[in-house]
Amino acid sequence: MIDLFEEKDISPMLLGEEKQPFDDSDSIYELKLDGIRCIAYLEKGKVTLRNKRNKDITALYPELADIHKCAKKRCILDGELVAFTGGKPDFYAVQRRSLMTDGFKIGIASRQKPVQFVAYDILYVGKERITDKPLLYRKEILSQTVAEGYNLSLSRYIEGRGTDFFRLTKEQNLEGIVAKKKDGLYHIGRRTRDWIKIKVMQDEDLLICGYQSDEEGNVKDLVLGYFDGNGKLKNRGKVYLGVSKEDKKVVQEFAVGNRVQRPWFPQYKNIVWIKPELVGTAHFMHETESGTMRQPVFKGIRSDG
């Protein structure tokens, strides 16, 4: 039988998704941490970290080199690499770390804004694979096997009250929650309904400032913007998901007599710029550091715009 620890070839279990929170006495609820998924292999004197594509990323996070000291036995943990700013997960901080290659800069970053490994599951302990055990059993083994410290922490959870928990995360401008079946098994590399993410998203009405064409010259991506308090047109980013054929037709027909030559946002290239008069609604998670949208989906052009 394949030994999970020796093979080190685990693809994390994947999540289903729902739009609305729900209460379920057979589920627990955890924060959906805005970080990078990671499988941690802990053994005496050694840590190995691998991302969801099974790339060894241990050297990128020297501040996690001692988390093996938290484990009573060798084990495999599923969790999230998270950087915090102002007490909240900062995806862009941990993303910047993931792209670093210079060892000196990595060392500086690890001291200035250390990354935490937040463990929410245990797949293997001692010499035993426990992916076929119920979630709450694995949670108990996790708490018995791993202590917090050395930039490692354990994910907390509540039972049953998903709606209230989601409301709280929304108030705190956090990413969302994950509902997990108490008796659910761990399905390596598979997406199941045993784990369901519910994201905090927001809608915003924005001006269509231009579009990027596909190879046939038709509308592909929309460039969206808004007027700030001083009447200056500001960039909100690009969106391609959700743009219907009908919306593309409206934009392309509008562009026939309403093109502008000067780019509204010079950072974008090969854009057909138009007068910012059409209004569309975008659905997105939250703002990026630059003021654009994270994970935007276009909901449609407003007929009353």
C-alpha atoms as a PDB file:
ATOM      1  CA  MET A   1       0.000   0.000   0.000  1.00  0.00           C
ATOM      2  CA  ILE A   2       1.254   3.497  -0.850  1.00  0.00           C
ATOM      3  CA  ASP A   3       2.600   5.387   2.157  1.00  0.00           C
ATOM      4  CA  LEU A   4       1.283   8.941   1.931  1.00  0.00           C
ATOM      5  CA  PHE A   5       4.153  10.379   3.918  1.00  0.00           C
ATOM      6  CA  GLU A   6       6.895   8.800   1.863  1.00  0.00           C
ATOM      7  CA  GLU A   7       5.198   9.506  -1.479  1.00  0.00           C
ATOM      8  CA  LYS A   8       4.509  13.196  -0.732  1.00  0.00           C
ATOM      9  CA  ASP A   9       2.146  13.386  -3.691  1.00  0.00           C
ATOM     10  CA  ILE A  10      -1.130  14.625  -2.209  1.00  0.00           C
ATOM     11  CA  SER A  11      -3.572  16.831  -4.089  1.00  0.00           C
ATOM     12  CA  PRO A  12      -5.750  18.615  -1.511  1.00  0.00           C
ATOM     13  CA  MET A  13      -9.455  17.913  -1.241  1.00  0.00           C
ATOM     14  CA  LEU A  14     -11.467  20.496  -3.191  1.00  0.00           C
ATOM     15  CA  LEU A  15     -14.513  22.511  -2.193  1.00  0.00           C
ATOM     16  CA  GLY A  16     -17.996  22.821  -3.594  1.00  0.00           C
ATOM     17  CA  GLU A  17     -19.656  26.231  -3.542  1.00  0.00           C
ATOM     18  CA  GLU A  18     -22.956  27.805  -2.526  1.00  0.00           C
ATOM     19  CA  LYS A  19     -24.131  31.388  -2.920  1.00  0.00           C
ATOM     20  CA  GLN A  20     -26.050  31.632   0.362  1.00  0.00           C
ATOM     21  CA  PRO A  21     -25.128  30.548   3.905  1.00  0.00           C
ATOM     22  CA  PHE A  22     -27.154  27.873   5.665  1.00  0.00           C
ATOM     23  CA  ASP A  23     -27.568  26.280   9.082  1.00  0.00           C
ATOM     24  CA  ASP A  24     -26.921  22.564   9.429  1.00  0.00           C
ATOM     25  CA  SER A  25     -26.604  20.640  12.685  1.00  0.00           C
ATOM     26  CA  ASP A  26     -24.538  18.005  10.851  1.00  0.00           C
ATOM     27  CA  SER A  27     -21.878  20.541   9.775  1.00  0.00           C
ATOM     28  CA  ILE A  28     -19.132  22.606  11.308  1.00  0.00           C
ATOM     29  CA  TYR A  29     -18.156  26.031   9.999  1.00  0.00           C
ATOM     30  CA  GLU A  30     -14.697  27.536   9.635  1.00  0.00           C
ATOM     31  CA  LEU A  31     -13.370  30.806   8.293  1.00  0.00           C
ATOM     32  CA  LYS A  32     -12.370  30.658   4.632  1.00  0.00           C
ATOM     33  CA  LEU A  33      -8.851  31.989   4.995  1.00  0.00           C
ATOM     34  CA  ASP A  34      -7.567  34.248   2.229  1.00  0.00           C
ATOM     35  CA  GLY A  35      -4.230  32.541   1.689  1.00  0.00           C
ATOM     36  CA  ILE A  36      -2.457  29.791  -0.231  1.00  0.00           C
ATOM     37  CA  ARG A  37      -3.415  26.124   0.196  1.00  0.00           C
ATOM     38  CA  CYS A  38      -0.584  23.987   1.554  1.00  0.00           C
ATOM     39  CA  ILE A  39       0.103  20.387   2.591  1.00  0.00           C
ATOM     40  CA  ALA A  40       2.664  20.168   5.411  1.00  0.00           C
ATOM     41  CA  TYR A  41       4.704  17.026   6.104  1.00  0.00           C
ATOM     42  CA  LEU A  42       6.082  17.172   9.652  1.00  0.00           C
ATOM     43  CA  GLU A  43       8.672  14.755  11.012  1.00  0.00           C
ATOM     44  CA  LYS A  44      11.430  14.854  13.572  1.00  0.00           C
ATOM     45  CA  GLY A  45      13.757  17.721  12.685  1.00  0.00           C
ATOM     46  CA  LYS A  46      12.184  18.441   9.294  1.00  0.00           C
ATOM     47  CA  VAL A  47       9.344  20.247   7.545  1.00  0.00           C
ATOM     48  CA  THR A  48       8.278  19.833   3.906  1.00  0.00           C
ATOM     49  CA  LEU A  49       5.697  22.204   2.447  1.00  0.00           C
ATOM     50  CA  ARG A  50       3.957  21.574  -0.868  1.00  0.00           C
ATOM     51  CA  ASN A  51       1.367  23.685  -2.643  1.00  0.00           C
ATOM     52  CA  LYS A  52      -1.787  22.385  -4.312  1.00  0.00           C
ATOM     53  CA  ARG A  53       0.178  21.627  -7.507  1.00  0.00           C
ATOM     54  CA  ASN A  54       2.575  19.553  -5.366  1.00  0.00           C
ATOM     55  CA  LYS A  55       5.485  21.947  -5.835  1.00  0.00           C
ATOM     56  CA  ASP A  56       7.968  22.001  -2.951  1.00  0.00           C
ATOM     57  CA  ILE A  57       7.749  25.521  -1.485  1.00  0.00           C
ATOM     58  CA  THR A  58       9.591  24.899   1.794  1.00  0.00           C
ATOM     59  CA  ALA A  59      12.447  27.291   1.010  1.00  0.00           C
ATOM     60  CA  LEU A  60      10.046  30.195   0.464  1.00  0.00           C
ATOM     61  CA  TYR A  61       8.967  30.207   4.116  1.00  0.00           C
ATOM     62  CA  PRO A  62      11.952  29.944   6.461  1.00  0.00           C
ATOM     63  CA  GLU A  63       9.808  31.217   9.337  1.00  0.00           C
ATOM     64  CA  LEU A  64       7.981  27.845   9.225  1.00  0.00           C
ATOM     65  CA  ALA A  65      11.144  25.738   9.495  1.00  0.00           C
ATOM     66  CA  ASP A  66      10.421  24.817  13.130  1.00  0.00           C
ATOM     67  CA  ILE A  67       6.750  23.906  12.968  1.00  0.00           C
ATOM     68  CA  HIS A  68       7.732  20.236  13.170  1.00  0.00           C
ATOM     69  CA  LYS A  69       8.407  20.946  16.865  1.00  0.00           C
ATOM     70  CA  CYS A  70       4.639  21.364  17.314  1.00  0.00           C
ATOM     71  CA  ALA A  71       3.927  17.746  16.376  1.00  0.00           C
ATOM     72  CA  LYS A  72       4.164  14.816  18.811  1.00  0.00           C
ATOM     73  CA  LYS A  73       4.375  12.373  15.897  1.00  0.00           C
ATOM     74  CA  ARG A  74       5.141  12.613  12.214  1.00  0.00           C
ATOM     75  CA  CYS A  75       2.032  13.728  10.423  1.00  0.00           C
ATOM     76  CA  ILE A  76       0.551  15.300   7.304  1.00  0.00           C
ATOM     77  CA  LEU A  77      -1.482  18.462   7.732  1.00  0.00           C
ATOM     78  CA  ASP A  78      -3.781  20.232   5.304  1.00  0.00           C
ATOM     79  CA  GLY A  79      -3.987  23.964   5.819  1.00  0.00           C
ATOM     80  CA  GLU A  80      -3.434  27.478   4.581  1.00  0.00           C
ATOM     81  CA  LEU A  81      -0.443  29.779   4.397  1.00  0.00           C
ATOM     82  CA  VAL A  82      -1.691  33.130   5.638  1.00  0.00           C
ATOM     83  CA  ALA A  83      -0.111  36.559   6.102  1.00  0.00           C
ATOM     84  CA  PHE A  84      -1.891  39.059   8.333  1.00  0.00           C
ATOM     85  CA  THR A  85      -2.203  42.821   8.052  1.00  0.00           C
ATOM     86  CA  GLY A  86      -4.143  44.646  10.735  1.00  0.00           C
ATOM     87  CA  GLY A  87      -5.228  41.321  12.193  1.00  0.00           C
ATOM     88  CA  LYS A  88      -6.870  40.170   8.953  1.00  0.00           C
ATOM     89  CA  PRO A  89      -5.639  37.765   6.256  1.00  0.00           C
ATOM     90  CA  ASP A  90      -3.803  39.638   3.492  1.00  0.00           C
ATOM     91  CA  PHE A  91      -3.813  37.579   0.306  1.00  0.00           C
ATOM     92  CA  TYR A  92      -1.569  39.969  -1.575  1.00  0.00           C
ATOM     93  CA  ALA A  93       1.150  39.788   1.063  1.00  0.00           C
ATOM     94  CA  VAL A  94       1.323  35.991   0.933  1.00  0.00           C
ATOM     95  CA  GLN A  95       1.017  36.048  -2.861  1.00  0.00           C
ATOM     96  CA  ARG A  96       4.059  38.331  -3.111  1.00  0.00           C
ATOM     97  CA  ARG A  97       5.983  35.889  -0.963  1.00  0.00           C
ATOM     98  CA  SER A  98       5.030  32.982  -3.213  1.00  0.00           C
ATOM     99  CA  LEU A  99       6.629  34.740  -6.199  1.00  0.00           C
ATOM    100  CA  MET A 100       9.973  35.541  -4.555  1.00  0.00           C
ATOM    101  CA  THR A 101      13.129  33.787  -5.714  1.00  0.00           C
ATOM    102  CA  ASP A 102      15.927  35.748  -4.036  1.00  0.00           C
ATOM    103  CA  GLY A 103      16.965  34.110  -0.760  1.00  0.00           C
ATOM    104  CA  PHE A 104      18.064  37.386   0.840  1.00  0.00           C
ATOM    105  CA  LYS A 105      14.723  39.083   0.102  1.00  0.00           C
ATOM    106  CA  ILE A 106      12.844  36.012   1.305  1.00  0.00           C
ATOM    107  CA  GLY A 107      14.726  36.212   4.610  1.00  0.00           C
ATOM    108  CA  ILE A 108      13.853  39.883   5.072  1.00  0.00           C
ATOM    109  CA  ALA A 109      10.188  39.294   4.219  1.00  0.00           C
ATOM    110  CA  SER A 110       9.978  36.337   6.616  1.00  0.00           C
ATOM    111  CA  ARG A 111      10.994  38.644   9.474  1.00  0.00           C
ATOM    112  CA  GLN A 112       8.977  41.695   8.467  1.00  0.00           C
ATOM    113  CA  LYS A 113       5.696  39.894   7.782  1.00  0.00           C
ATOM    114  CA  PRO A 114       5.969  36.235   8.793  1.00  0.00           C
ATOM    115  CA  VAL A 115       3.528  33.775   7.278  1.00  0.00           C
ATOM    116  CA  GLN A 116       1.417  31.517   9.487  1.00  0.00           C
ATOM    117  CA  PHE A 117       0.506  27.935   8.678  1.00  0.00           C
ATOM    118  CA  VAL A 118      -3.104  27.459   9.786  1.00  0.00           C
ATOM    119  CA  ALA A 119      -3.920  23.741  10.007  1.00  0.00           C
ATOM    120  CA  TYR A 120      -7.506  22.588   9.573  1.00  0.00           C
ATOM    121  CA  ASP A 121      -7.092  18.873   8.894  1.00  0.00           C
ATOM    122  CA  ILE A 122      -4.753  15.950   9.530  1.00  0.00           C
ATOM    123  CA  LEU A 123      -4.466  13.135   6.990  1.00  0.00           C
ATOM    124  CA  TYR A 124      -1.780  10.923   8.489  1.00  0.00           C
ATOM    125  CA  VAL A 125      -0.319  10.442  11.945  1.00  0.00           C
ATOM    126  CA  GLY A 126       2.521   8.180  13.121  1.00  0.00           C
ATOM    127  CA  LYS A 127       2.356   5.483  10.462  1.00  0.00           C
ATOM    128  CA  GLU A 128      -1.388   5.587   9.868  1.00  0.00           C
ATOM    129  CA  ARG A 129      -3.413   7.150   7.076  1.00  0.00           C
ATOM    130  CA  ILE A 130      -6.668   8.525   8.508  1.00  0.00           C
ATOM    131  CA  THR A 131      -8.360  10.021   5.437  1.00  0.00           C
ATOM    132  CA  ASP A 132     -11.084   7.358   5.785  1.00  0.00           C
ATOM    133  CA  LYS A 133     -12.051   8.612   9.247  1.00  0.00           C
ATOM    134  CA  PRO A 134     -14.872  11.142   9.892  1.00  0.00           C
ATOM    135  CA  LEU A 135     -13.938  14.818  10.030  1.00  0.00           C
ATOM    136  CA  LEU A 136     -14.621  15.311  13.753  1.00  0.00           C
ATOM    137  CA  TYR A 137     -12.441  12.291  14.532  1.00  0.00           C
ATOM    138  CA  ARG A 138      -9.638  13.840  12.470  1.00  0.00           C
ATOM    139  CA  LYS A 139     -10.151  17.159  14.236  1.00  0.00           C
ATOM    140  CA  GLU A 140      -9.720  15.424  17.593  1.00  0.00           C
ATOM    141  CA  ILE A 141      -6.551  13.676  16.417  1.00  0.00           C
ATOM    142  CA  LEU A 142      -5.264  17.012  15.100  1.00  0.00           C
ATOM    143  CA  SER A 143      -5.730  18.709  18.479  1.00  0.00           C
ATOM    144  CA  GLN A 144      -4.104  15.764  20.301  1.00  0.00           C
ATOM    145  CA  THR A 145      -1.130  15.557  17.922  1.00  0.00           C
ATOM    146  CA  VAL A 146      -0.303  19.183  17.147  1.00  0.00           C
ATOM    147  CA  ALA A 147       0.224  22.110  19.519  1.00  0.00           C
ATOM    148  CA  GLU A 148       0.233  25.740  18.433  1.00  0.00           C
ATOM    149  CA  GLY A 149       3.492  27.659  18.187  1.00  0.00           C
ATOM    150  CA  TYR A 150       6.387  28.465  15.843  1.00  0.00           C
ATOM    151  CA  ASN A 151       3.986  30.245  13.415  1.00  0.00           C
ATOM    152  CA  LEU A 152       1.593  27.291  13.345  1.00  0.00           C
ATOM    153  CA  SER A 153      -1.992  27.608  14.542  1.00  0.00           C
ATOM    154  CA  LEU A 154      -5.112  25.435  14.435  1.00  0.00           C
ATOM    155  CA  SER A 155      -8.291  26.524  12.693  1.00  0.00           C
ATOM    156  CA  ARG A 156     -11.246  27.116  15.032  1.00  0.00           C
ATOM    157  CA  TYR A 157     -14.777  26.147  14.129  1.00  0.00           C
ATOM    158  CA  ILE A 158     -18.363  26.470  15.284  1.00  0.00           C
ATOM    159  CA  GLU A 159     -21.201  23.986  14.911  1.00  0.00           C
ATOM    160  CA  GLY A 160     -24.555  24.435  13.205  1.00  0.00           C
ATOM    161  CA  ARG A 161     -24.815  28.235  12.965  1.00  0.00           C
ATOM    162  CA  GLY A 162     -23.599  28.979   9.453  1.00  0.00           C
ATOM    163  CA  THR A 163     -25.910  31.937   8.820  1.00  0.00           C
ATOM    164  CA  ASP A 164     -24.810  33.892  11.884  1.00  0.00           C
ATOM    165  CA  PHE A 165     -21.164  33.062  11.261  1.00  0.00           C
ATOM    166  CA  PHE A 166     -21.399  34.225   7.661  1.00  0.00           C
ATOM    167  CA  ARG A 167     -23.037  37.479   8.742  1.00  0.00           C
ATOM    168  CA  LEU A 168     -20.146  38.102  11.115  1.00  0.00           C
ATOM    169  CA  THR A 169     -17.518  37.469   8.427  1.00  0.00           C
ATOM    170  CA  LYS A 170     -19.334  39.862   6.111  1.00  0.00           C
ATOM    171  CA  GLU A 171     -19.375  42.563   8.774  1.00  0.00           C
ATOM    172  CA  GLN A 172     -15.634  42.082   9.272  1.00  0.00           C
ATOM    173  CA  ASN A 173     -14.925  42.166   5.498  1.00  0.00           C
ATOM    174  CA  LEU A 174     -13.470  38.653   5.533  1.00  0.00           C
ATOM    175  CA  GLU A 175     -13.452  36.213   2.606  1.00  0.00           C
ATOM    176  CA  GLY A 176     -16.253  33.918   3.736  1.00  0.00           C
ATOM    177  CA  ILE A 177     -16.830  30.579   5.460  1.00  0.00           C
ATOM    178  CA  VAL A 178     -16.518  26.860   4.744  1.00  0.00           C
ATOM    179  CA  ALA A 179     -19.171  24.355   5.794  1.00  0.00           C
ATOM    180  CA  LYS A 180     -17.856  20.838   6.428  1.00  0.00           C
ATOM    181  CA  LYS A 181     -19.836  17.671   7.131  1.00  0.00           C
ATOM    182  CA  LYS A 182     -19.007  16.321  10.576  1.00  0.00           C
ATOM    183  CA  ASP A 183     -18.906  12.748   9.304  1.00  0.00           C
ATOM    184  CA  GLY A 184     -17.223  13.596   5.973  1.00  0.00           C
ATOM    185  CA  LEU A 185     -14.146  11.688   4.849  1.00  0.00           C
ATOM    186  CA  TYR A 186     -11.089  13.290   3.236  1.00  0.00           C
ATOM    187  CA  HIS A 187     -11.198  12.736  -0.524  1.00  0.00           C
ATOM    188  CA  ILE A 188      -7.730  13.408  -1.911  1.00  0.00           C
ATOM    189  CA  GLY A 189      -7.820  15.514  -5.065  1.00  0.00           C
ATOM    190  CA  ARG A 190     -11.616  15.345  -5.384  1.00  0.00           C
ATOM    191  CA  ARG A 191     -14.294  18.028  -5.222  1.00  0.00           C
ATOM    192  CA  THR A 192     -17.232  16.979  -3.064  1.00  0.00           C
ATOM    193  CA  ARG A 193     -20.206  18.477  -1.261  1.00  0.00           C
ATOM    194  CA  ASP A 194     -18.674  17.502   2.074  1.00  0.00           C
ATOM    195  CA  TRP A 195     -16.825  20.841   2.046  1.00  0.00           C
ATOM    196  CA  ILE A 196     -18.745  23.873   0.767  1.00  0.00           C
ATOM    197  CA  LYS A 197     -17.399  27.401   0.527  1.00  0.00           C
ATOM    198  CA  ILE A 198     -19.666  30.434   0.827  1.00  0.00           C
ATOM    199  CA  LYS A 199     -17.899  33.622  -0.217  1.00  0.00           C
ATOM    200  CA  VAL A 200     -18.611  37.163   0.836  1.00  0.00           C
ATOM    201  CA  MET A 201     -19.199  39.000  -2.426  1.00  0.00           C
ATOM    202  CA  GLN A 202     -20.391  42.470  -3.339  1.00  0.00           C
ATOM    203  CA  ASP A 203     -22.122  44.154  -6.262  1.00  0.00           C
ATOM    204  CA  GLU A 204     -21.226  47.511  -7.786  1.00  0.00           C
ATOM    205  CA  ASP A 205     -22.635  49.503 -10.687  1.00  0.00           C
ATOM    206  CA  LEU A 206     -19.766  50.589 -12.936  1.00  0.00           C
ATOM    207  CA  LEU A 207     -19.178  52.406 -16.201  1.00  0.00           C
ATOM    208  CA  ILE A 208     -18.032  50.457 -19.261  1.00  0.00           C
ATOM    209  CA  CYS A 209     -14.989  52.386 -20.458  1.00  0.00           C
ATOM    210  CA  GLY A 210     -13.768  50.062 -23.191  1.00  0.00           C
ATOM    211  CA  TYR A 211     -13.245  46.514 -24.279  1.00  0.00           C
ATOM    212  CA  GLN A 212     -10.560  44.149 -25.464  1.00  0.00           C
ATOM    213  CA  SER A 213     -11.263  42.277 -28.687  1.00  0.00           C
ATOM    214  CA  ASP A 214     -10.886  38.611 -29.477  1.00  0.00           C
ATOM    215  CA  GLU A 215      -9.216  37.349 -32.670  1.00  0.00           C
ATOM    216  CA  GLU A 216     -12.383  38.048 -34.683  1.00  0.00           C
ATOM    217  CA  GLY A 217     -12.605  41.624 -33.439  1.00  0.00           C
ATOM    218  CA  ASN A 218     -15.537  40.932 -31.134  1.00  0.00           C
ATOM    219  CA  VAL A 219     -15.874  42.008 -27.516  1.00  0.00           C
ATOM    220  CA  LYS A 220     -14.011  39.793 -25.023  1.00  0.00           C
ATOM    221  CA  ASP A 221     -13.019  41.633 -21.821  1.00  0.00           C
ATOM    222  CA  LEU A 222     -14.746  44.768 -20.525  1.00  0.00           C
ATOM    223  CA  VAL A 223     -12.790  47.554 -18.842  1.00  0.00           C
ATOM    224  CA  LEU A 224     -14.831  49.071 -16.008  1.00  0.00           C
ATOM    225  CA  GLY A 225     -14.490  52.349 -14.144  1.00  0.00           C
ATOM    226  CA  TYR A 226     -16.253  54.911 -11.962  1.00  0.00           C
ATOM    227  CA  PHE A 227     -16.163  58.644 -11.254  1.00  0.00           C
ATOM    228  CA  ASP A 228     -14.649  59.545  -7.891  1.00  0.00           C
ATOM    229  CA  GLY A 229     -15.788  62.440  -5.699  1.00  0.00           C
ATOM    230  CA  ASN A 230     -13.759  64.889  -7.783  1.00  0.00           C
ATOM    231  CA  GLY A 231     -15.319  63.777 -11.050  1.00  0.00           C
ATOM    232  CA  LYS A 232     -12.209  61.902 -12.161  1.00  0.00           C
ATOM    233  CA  LEU A 233     -12.653  58.589 -13.981  1.00  0.00           C
ATOM    234  CA  LYS A 234     -10.970  55.786 -12.007  1.00  0.00           C
ATOM    235  CA  ASN A 235     -10.087  52.250 -13.037  1.00  0.00           C
ATOM    236  CA  ARG A 236     -12.022  49.334 -11.494  1.00  0.00           C
ATOM    237  CA  GLY A 237     -10.410  46.631 -13.585  1.00  0.00           C
ATOM    238  CA  LYS A 238     -11.273  44.151 -16.346  1.00  0.00           C
ATOM    239  CA  VAL A 239     -13.908  41.445 -16.395  1.00  0.00           C
ATOM    240  CA  TYR A 240     -14.662  38.639 -18.845  1.00  0.00           C
ATOM    241  CA  LEU A 241     -16.635  36.100 -16.813  1.00  0.00           C
ATOM    242  CA  GLY A 242     -20.376  36.518 -17.183  1.00  0.00           C
ATOM    243  CA  VAL A 243     -20.349  38.873 -20.164  1.00  0.00           C
ATOM    244  CA  SER A 244     -23.259  37.575 -22.277  1.00  0.00           C
ATOM    245  CA  LYS A 245     -23.594  37.650 -26.045  1.00  0.00           C
ATOM    246  CA  GLU A 246     -26.337  40.247 -25.654  1.00  0.00           C
ATOM    247  CA  ASP A 247     -24.109  42.496 -23.531  1.00  0.00           C
ATOM    248  CA  LYS A 248     -21.256  42.153 -26.018  1.00  0.00           C
ATOM    249  CA  LYS A 249     -23.584  43.149 -28.845  1.00  0.00           C
ATOM    250  CA  VAL A 250     -24.778  46.242 -26.953  1.00  0.00           C
ATOM    251  CA  VAL A 251     -21.216  47.356 -26.245  1.00  0.00           C
ATOM    252  CA  GLN A 252     -20.026  46.759 -29.797  1.00  0.00           C
ATOM    253  CA  GLU A 253     -22.972  48.627 -31.304  1.00  0.00           C
ATOM    254  CA  PHE A 254     -22.492  51.518 -28.870  1.00  0.00           C
ATOM    255  CA  ALA A 255     -18.801  51.709 -29.797  1.00  0.00           C
ATOM    256  CA  VAL A 256     -19.600  52.378 -33.458  1.00  0.00           C
ATOM    257  CA  GLY A 257     -20.359  56.043 -32.834  1.00  0.00           C
ATOM    258  CA  ASN A 258     -18.850  56.523 -29.379  1.00  0.00           C
ATOM    259  CA  ARG A 259     -15.174  55.609 -29.562  1.00  0.00           C
ATOM    260  CA  VAL A 260     -12.525  57.823 -27.962  1.00  0.00           C
ATOM    261  CA  GLN A 261      -8.894  57.930 -29.033  1.00  0.00           C
ATOM    262  CA  ARG A 262      -7.224  58.806 -25.762  1.00  0.00           C
ATOM    263  CA  PRO A 263      -6.999  55.845 -23.374  1.00  0.00           C
ATOM    264  CA  TRP A 264      -8.832  56.268 -20.108  1.00  0.00           C
ATOM    265  CA  PHE A 265      -6.367  53.967 -18.340  1.00  0.00           C
ATOM    266  CA  PRO A 266      -2.968  53.838 -20.149  1.00  0.00           C
ATOM    267  CA  GLN A 267      -1.849  50.689 -18.297  1.00  0.00           C
ATOM    268  CA  TYR A 268      -4.134  48.633 -20.557  1.00  0.00           C
ATOM    269  CA  LYS A 269      -3.035  47.932 -24.124  1.00  0.00           C
ATOM    270  CA  ASN A 270      -5.022  47.052 -27.251  1.00  0.00           C
ATOM    271  CA  ILE A 271      -8.298  48.377 -25.857  1.00  0.00           C
ATOM    272  CA  VAL A 272     -11.168  49.904 -27.819  1.00  0.00           C
ATOM    273  CA  TRP A 273     -12.007  52.908 -25.644  1.00  0.00           C
ATOM    274  CA  ILE A 274     -15.555  54.273 -25.562  1.00  0.00           C
ATOM    275  CA  LYS A 275     -17.461  57.062 -23.868  1.00  0.00           C
ATOM    276  CA  PRO A 276     -18.203  55.990 -20.272  1.00  0.00           C
ATOM    277  CA  GLU A 277     -21.986  56.043 -20.552  1.00  0.00           C
ATOM    278  CA  LEU A 278     -23.091  52.390 -20.449  1.00  0.00           C
ATOM    279  CA  VAL A 279     -23.612  51.092 -16.902  1.00  0.00           C
ATOM    280  CA  GLY A 280     -23.089  47.475 -15.906  1.00  0.00           C
ATOM    281  CA  THR A 281     -23.133  45.591 -12.599  1.00  0.00           C
ATOM    282  CA  ALA A 282     -20.115  43.575 -11.465  1.00  0.00           C
ATOM    283  CA  HIS A 283     -20.111  40.945  -8.721  1.00  0.00           C
ATOM    284  CA  PHE A 284     -16.748  40.556  -6.972  1.00  0.00           C
ATOM    285  CA  MET A 285     -15.081  39.529  -3.754  1.00  0.00           C
ATOM    286  CA  HIS A 286     -13.323  42.713  -2.675  1.00  0.00           C
ATOM    287  CA  GLU A 287     -10.918  45.385  -3.817  1.00  0.00           C
ATOM    288  CA  THR A 288      -7.282  44.656  -4.565  1.00  0.00           C
ATOM    289  CA  GLU A 289      -4.539  46.941  -3.278  1.00  0.00           C
ATOM    290  CA  SER A 290      -4.690  48.886  -6.543  1.00  0.00           C
ATOM    291  CA  GLY A 291      -8.460  49.432  -6.318  1.00  0.00           C
ATOM    292  CA  THR A 292      -9.449  46.839  -8.924  1.00  0.00           C
ATOM    293  CA  MET A 293     -11.785  43.874  -8.378  1.00  0.00           C
ATOM    294  CA  ARG A 294     -10.831  40.442  -7.153  1.00  0.00           C
ATOM    295  CA  GLN A 295     -12.592  37.532  -8.901  1.00  0.00           C
ATOM    296  CA  PRO A 296     -15.126  39.713 -10.758  1.00  0.00           C
ATOM    297  CA  VAL A 297     -18.164  38.351 -12.586  1.00  0.00           C
ATOM    298  CA  PHE A 298     -20.246  40.579 -14.855  1.00  0.00           C
ATOM    299  CA  LYS A 299     -23.961  40.434 -14.058  1.00  0.00           C
ATOM    300  CA  GLY A 300     -25.181  42.498 -16.986  1.00  0.00           C
ATOM    301  CA  ILE A 301     -25.768  45.929 -18.486  1.00  0.00           C
ATOM    302  CA  ARG A 302     -28.384  47.951 -16.638  1.00  0.00           C
ATOM    303  CA  SER A 303     -31.298  49.010 -18.803  1.00  0.00           C
ATOM    304  CA  ASP A 304     -31.936  51.912 -16.410  1.00  0.00           C
ATOM    305  CA  GLY A 305     -28.255  52.986 -16.503  1.00  0.00           C
END
